[in-house]
N, C-alpha and C. Protein backbone atom coordinates (compact mmCIF):
# COMPACT_ATOMS: atom_id res chain seq x y z
N MET A 1 -3.57 -39.62 23.44
CA MET A 1 -3.83 -38.27 22.97
C MET A 1 -3.64 -38.24 21.45
N ASN A 2 -4.65 -37.73 20.74
CA ASN A 2 -4.53 -37.67 19.29
C ASN A 2 -3.69 -36.45 18.86
N ASN A 3 -3.37 -36.39 17.57
CA ASN A 3 -2.50 -35.33 17.07
C ASN A 3 -3.13 -33.94 17.17
N THR A 4 -4.44 -33.84 17.07
CA THR A 4 -5.10 -32.54 17.22
C THR A 4 -4.94 -32.04 18.65
N SER A 5 -5.12 -32.92 19.61
CA SER A 5 -4.93 -32.54 21.01
C SER A 5 -3.48 -32.15 21.30
N LYS A 6 -2.55 -32.91 20.72
CA LYS A 6 -1.13 -32.57 20.89
C LYS A 6 -0.83 -31.20 20.28
N LEU A 7 -1.41 -30.93 19.12
CA LEU A 7 -1.21 -29.65 18.45
C LEU A 7 -1.73 -28.50 19.31
N ILE A 8 -2.92 -28.65 19.85
CA ILE A 8 -3.50 -27.60 20.70
C ILE A 8 -2.61 -27.37 21.92
N GLU A 9 -2.15 -28.44 22.51
CA GLU A 9 -1.30 -28.32 23.70
C GLU A 9 0.01 -27.60 23.39
N ILE A 10 0.65 -27.97 22.29
CA ILE A 10 1.93 -27.35 21.97
C ILE A 10 1.74 -25.88 21.55
N LEU A 11 0.62 -25.56 20.90
CA LEU A 11 0.35 -24.16 20.55
C LEU A 11 0.16 -23.31 21.80
N GLU A 12 -0.47 -23.85 22.80
CA GLU A 12 -0.70 -23.12 24.05
C GLU A 12 0.57 -22.97 24.86
N ARG A 13 1.39 -24.01 24.89
CA ARG A 13 2.58 -24.00 25.76
C ARG A 13 3.84 -23.47 25.09
N SER A 14 4.01 -23.78 23.81
CA SER A 14 5.26 -23.43 23.10
C SER A 14 4.95 -22.97 21.69
N PRO A 15 4.37 -21.78 21.52
CA PRO A 15 3.94 -21.35 20.19
C PRO A 15 5.07 -21.16 19.17
N LYS A 16 6.32 -21.20 19.61
CA LYS A 16 7.45 -21.09 18.67
C LYS A 16 8.09 -22.44 18.38
N SER A 17 7.49 -23.51 18.81
CA SER A 17 8.05 -24.85 18.66
C SER A 17 8.18 -25.26 17.19
N LYS A 18 9.26 -25.95 16.90
CA LYS A 18 9.48 -26.48 15.54
C LYS A 18 8.60 -27.69 15.27
N GLY A 19 7.97 -28.23 16.32
CA GLY A 19 7.12 -29.40 16.16
C GLY A 19 5.71 -29.09 15.68
N ILE A 20 5.39 -27.82 15.51
CA ILE A 20 4.03 -27.43 15.12
C ILE A 20 3.70 -27.84 13.69
N SER A 21 4.59 -27.54 12.76
CA SER A 21 4.31 -27.86 11.34
C SER A 21 4.02 -29.34 11.12
N PRO A 22 4.86 -30.25 11.64
CA PRO A 22 4.55 -31.67 11.43
C PRO A 22 3.23 -32.09 12.08
N LEU A 23 2.92 -31.53 13.25
CA LEU A 23 1.65 -31.87 13.91
C LEU A 23 0.45 -31.36 13.11
N ILE A 24 0.58 -30.21 12.49
CA ILE A 24 -0.50 -29.69 11.64
C ILE A 24 -0.78 -30.68 10.51
N LYS A 25 0.27 -31.13 9.85
CA LYS A 25 0.11 -32.08 8.74
C LYS A 25 -0.54 -33.39 9.22
N LEU A 26 -0.09 -33.89 10.37
CA LEU A 26 -0.66 -35.13 10.90
C LEU A 26 -2.12 -34.95 11.29
N ALA A 27 -2.44 -33.83 11.95
CA ALA A 27 -3.82 -33.57 12.37
C ALA A 27 -4.73 -33.42 11.15
N GLU A 28 -4.23 -32.74 10.11
CA GLU A 28 -5.04 -32.58 8.89
C GLU A 28 -5.28 -33.92 8.22
N SER A 29 -4.26 -34.78 8.19
CA SER A 29 -4.43 -36.07 7.51
C SER A 29 -5.39 -36.98 8.26
N GLU A 30 -5.51 -36.81 9.57
CA GLU A 30 -6.43 -37.63 10.37
C GLU A 30 -7.87 -37.11 10.33
N SER A 31 -8.03 -35.88 9.90
CA SER A 31 -9.35 -35.24 9.96
C SER A 31 -10.19 -35.59 8.73
N ASN A 32 -11.49 -35.69 8.94
CA ASN A 32 -12.40 -35.91 7.82
C ASN A 32 -13.20 -34.64 7.51
N LEU A 33 -12.69 -33.50 7.95
CA LEU A 33 -13.37 -32.23 7.69
C LEU A 33 -13.24 -31.82 6.24
N ASP A 34 -14.25 -31.17 5.74
CA ASP A 34 -14.19 -30.54 4.43
C ASP A 34 -14.45 -29.06 4.66
N ILE A 35 -13.38 -28.30 4.79
CA ILE A 35 -13.48 -26.89 5.17
C ILE A 35 -14.31 -26.08 4.16
N THR A 36 -14.34 -26.52 2.90
CA THR A 36 -15.11 -25.78 1.89
C THR A 36 -16.61 -25.82 2.18
N LYS A 37 -17.04 -26.79 2.98
CA LYS A 37 -18.46 -26.89 3.33
C LYS A 37 -18.78 -26.19 4.64
N GLN A 38 -17.75 -25.65 5.32
CA GLN A 38 -17.95 -25.04 6.63
C GLN A 38 -17.31 -23.65 6.72
N LEU A 39 -17.18 -22.95 5.61
CA LEU A 39 -16.51 -21.66 5.61
C LEU A 39 -17.18 -20.64 6.53
N GLU A 40 -18.50 -20.71 6.65
CA GLU A 40 -19.20 -19.73 7.50
C GLU A 40 -18.77 -19.85 8.97
N MET A 41 -18.27 -21.02 9.36
CA MET A 41 -17.83 -21.20 10.74
C MET A 41 -16.50 -20.48 11.03
N LEU A 42 -15.78 -20.08 9.98
CA LEU A 42 -14.52 -19.36 10.16
C LEU A 42 -14.71 -17.86 10.29
N THR A 43 -15.87 -17.36 9.95
CA THR A 43 -16.11 -15.93 10.03
C THR A 43 -16.02 -15.46 11.48
N GLY A 44 -15.26 -14.40 11.69
CA GLY A 44 -15.12 -13.85 13.03
C GLY A 44 -13.71 -13.36 13.29
N VAL A 45 -13.38 -13.21 14.56
CA VAL A 45 -12.06 -12.73 14.97
C VAL A 45 -11.31 -13.90 15.61
N TRP A 46 -10.10 -14.13 15.13
CA TRP A 46 -9.28 -15.24 15.60
C TRP A 46 -7.95 -14.71 16.11
N GLU A 47 -7.47 -15.30 17.20
CA GLU A 47 -6.13 -14.97 17.68
C GLU A 47 -5.14 -15.91 17.01
N LEU A 48 -4.12 -15.34 16.36
CA LEU A 48 -3.10 -16.15 15.71
C LEU A 48 -2.00 -16.45 16.72
N ARG A 49 -1.80 -17.72 17.00
CA ARG A 49 -0.75 -18.13 17.92
C ARG A 49 0.42 -18.75 17.18
N TRP A 50 0.27 -18.95 15.87
CA TRP A 50 1.32 -19.53 15.06
C TRP A 50 1.12 -19.08 13.63
N SER A 51 2.22 -18.86 12.93
CA SER A 51 2.16 -18.48 11.53
C SER A 51 3.36 -19.06 10.81
N SER A 52 3.16 -19.49 9.58
CA SER A 52 4.28 -19.96 8.77
C SER A 52 4.98 -18.80 8.07
N SER A 53 4.47 -17.60 8.24
CA SER A 53 5.05 -16.41 7.60
C SER A 53 6.46 -16.15 8.12
N LYS A 54 7.30 -15.63 7.27
CA LYS A 54 8.65 -15.24 7.66
C LYS A 54 8.68 -13.81 8.22
N SER A 55 7.58 -13.11 8.10
CA SER A 55 7.51 -11.73 8.59
C SER A 55 7.60 -11.70 10.11
N PRO A 56 8.50 -10.89 10.66
CA PRO A 56 8.59 -10.81 12.11
C PRO A 56 7.31 -10.28 12.76
N LEU A 57 6.54 -9.51 12.02
CA LEU A 57 5.29 -8.98 12.57
C LEU A 57 4.23 -10.05 12.77
N LEU A 58 4.32 -11.13 12.02
CA LEU A 58 3.33 -12.19 12.13
C LEU A 58 3.77 -13.33 13.05
N ASN A 59 4.99 -13.26 13.56
CA ASN A 59 5.44 -14.26 14.52
C ASN A 59 4.78 -14.03 15.86
N TYR A 60 4.56 -15.10 16.59
CA TYR A 60 3.91 -15.00 17.89
C TYR A 60 4.78 -14.21 18.87
N SER A 61 4.16 -13.34 19.62
CA SER A 61 4.83 -12.61 20.69
C SER A 61 3.83 -12.41 21.82
N PRO A 62 4.23 -12.67 23.07
CA PRO A 62 3.30 -12.43 24.17
C PRO A 62 3.02 -10.94 24.39
N LEU A 63 3.80 -10.08 23.72
CA LEU A 63 3.62 -8.63 23.86
C LEU A 63 2.58 -8.07 22.90
N LEU A 64 2.19 -8.85 21.91
CA LEU A 64 1.23 -8.40 20.90
C LEU A 64 0.05 -9.35 20.80
N ASP A 65 -1.13 -8.79 20.61
CA ASP A 65 -2.28 -9.60 20.21
C ASP A 65 -2.27 -9.60 18.69
N ASN A 66 -2.09 -10.75 18.09
CA ASN A 66 -2.11 -10.87 16.64
C ASN A 66 -3.46 -11.46 16.26
N LEU A 67 -4.34 -10.60 15.82
CA LEU A 67 -5.72 -11.02 15.52
C LEU A 67 -5.93 -11.08 14.02
N GLN A 68 -6.74 -12.02 13.59
CA GLN A 68 -7.14 -12.11 12.20
C GLN A 68 -8.65 -12.02 12.15
N ILE A 69 -9.12 -11.08 11.38
CA ILE A 69 -10.56 -10.86 11.23
C ILE A 69 -10.96 -11.40 9.87
N LEU A 70 -11.88 -12.36 9.86
CA LEU A 70 -12.29 -13.00 8.61
C LEU A 70 -13.76 -12.74 8.31
N ASP A 71 -14.02 -12.31 7.10
CA ASP A 71 -15.37 -12.13 6.58
C ASP A 71 -15.40 -12.83 5.23
N LEU A 72 -15.55 -14.15 5.27
CA LEU A 72 -15.43 -14.95 4.05
C LEU A 72 -16.59 -14.74 3.08
N LYS A 73 -17.73 -14.38 3.61
CA LYS A 73 -18.88 -14.13 2.74
C LYS A 73 -18.60 -13.00 1.76
N ASN A 74 -17.87 -12.00 2.23
CA ASN A 74 -17.51 -10.85 1.39
C ASN A 74 -16.06 -10.93 0.90
N HIS A 75 -15.43 -12.09 1.06
CA HIS A 75 -14.06 -12.33 0.60
C HIS A 75 -13.09 -11.30 1.17
N ARG A 76 -13.19 -11.08 2.50
CA ARG A 76 -12.32 -10.10 3.14
C ARG A 76 -11.66 -10.69 4.37
N GLY A 77 -10.46 -10.21 4.63
CA GLY A 77 -9.73 -10.61 5.82
C GLY A 77 -8.77 -9.50 6.21
N LEU A 78 -8.43 -9.44 7.48
CA LEU A 78 -7.54 -8.40 7.98
C LEU A 78 -6.74 -8.95 9.14
N ASN A 79 -5.43 -8.73 9.10
CA ASN A 79 -4.59 -9.03 10.27
C ASN A 79 -4.48 -7.75 11.07
N PHE A 80 -4.64 -7.84 12.38
CA PHE A 80 -4.67 -6.68 13.25
C PHE A 80 -3.73 -6.94 14.42
N LEU A 81 -2.71 -6.11 14.56
CA LEU A 81 -1.77 -6.23 15.65
C LEU A 81 -2.13 -5.20 16.73
N ARG A 82 -2.22 -5.67 17.97
CA ARG A 82 -2.57 -4.79 19.08
C ARG A 82 -1.61 -5.05 20.23
N PRO A 83 -0.94 -3.98 20.72
CA PRO A 83 -0.01 -4.19 21.84
C PRO A 83 -0.74 -4.58 23.10
């Protein structure tokens, strides 16, 4: 199992795990993606299952849908919390 697969698994099973940050770094270092060439693929609504933010509102909770709406073409983004 590669690091990206491990990261997806741990995000689904244990979104508060301390092992997420190191796996992100490992998965990024193994990837040959150039996100600057694929920004249009990020446009849309995303569910945030993990955040490096210290804000309690941005931490994962099964009681809240933490959504991020991205419109990169217009340089806009919005975090949306829904119970």
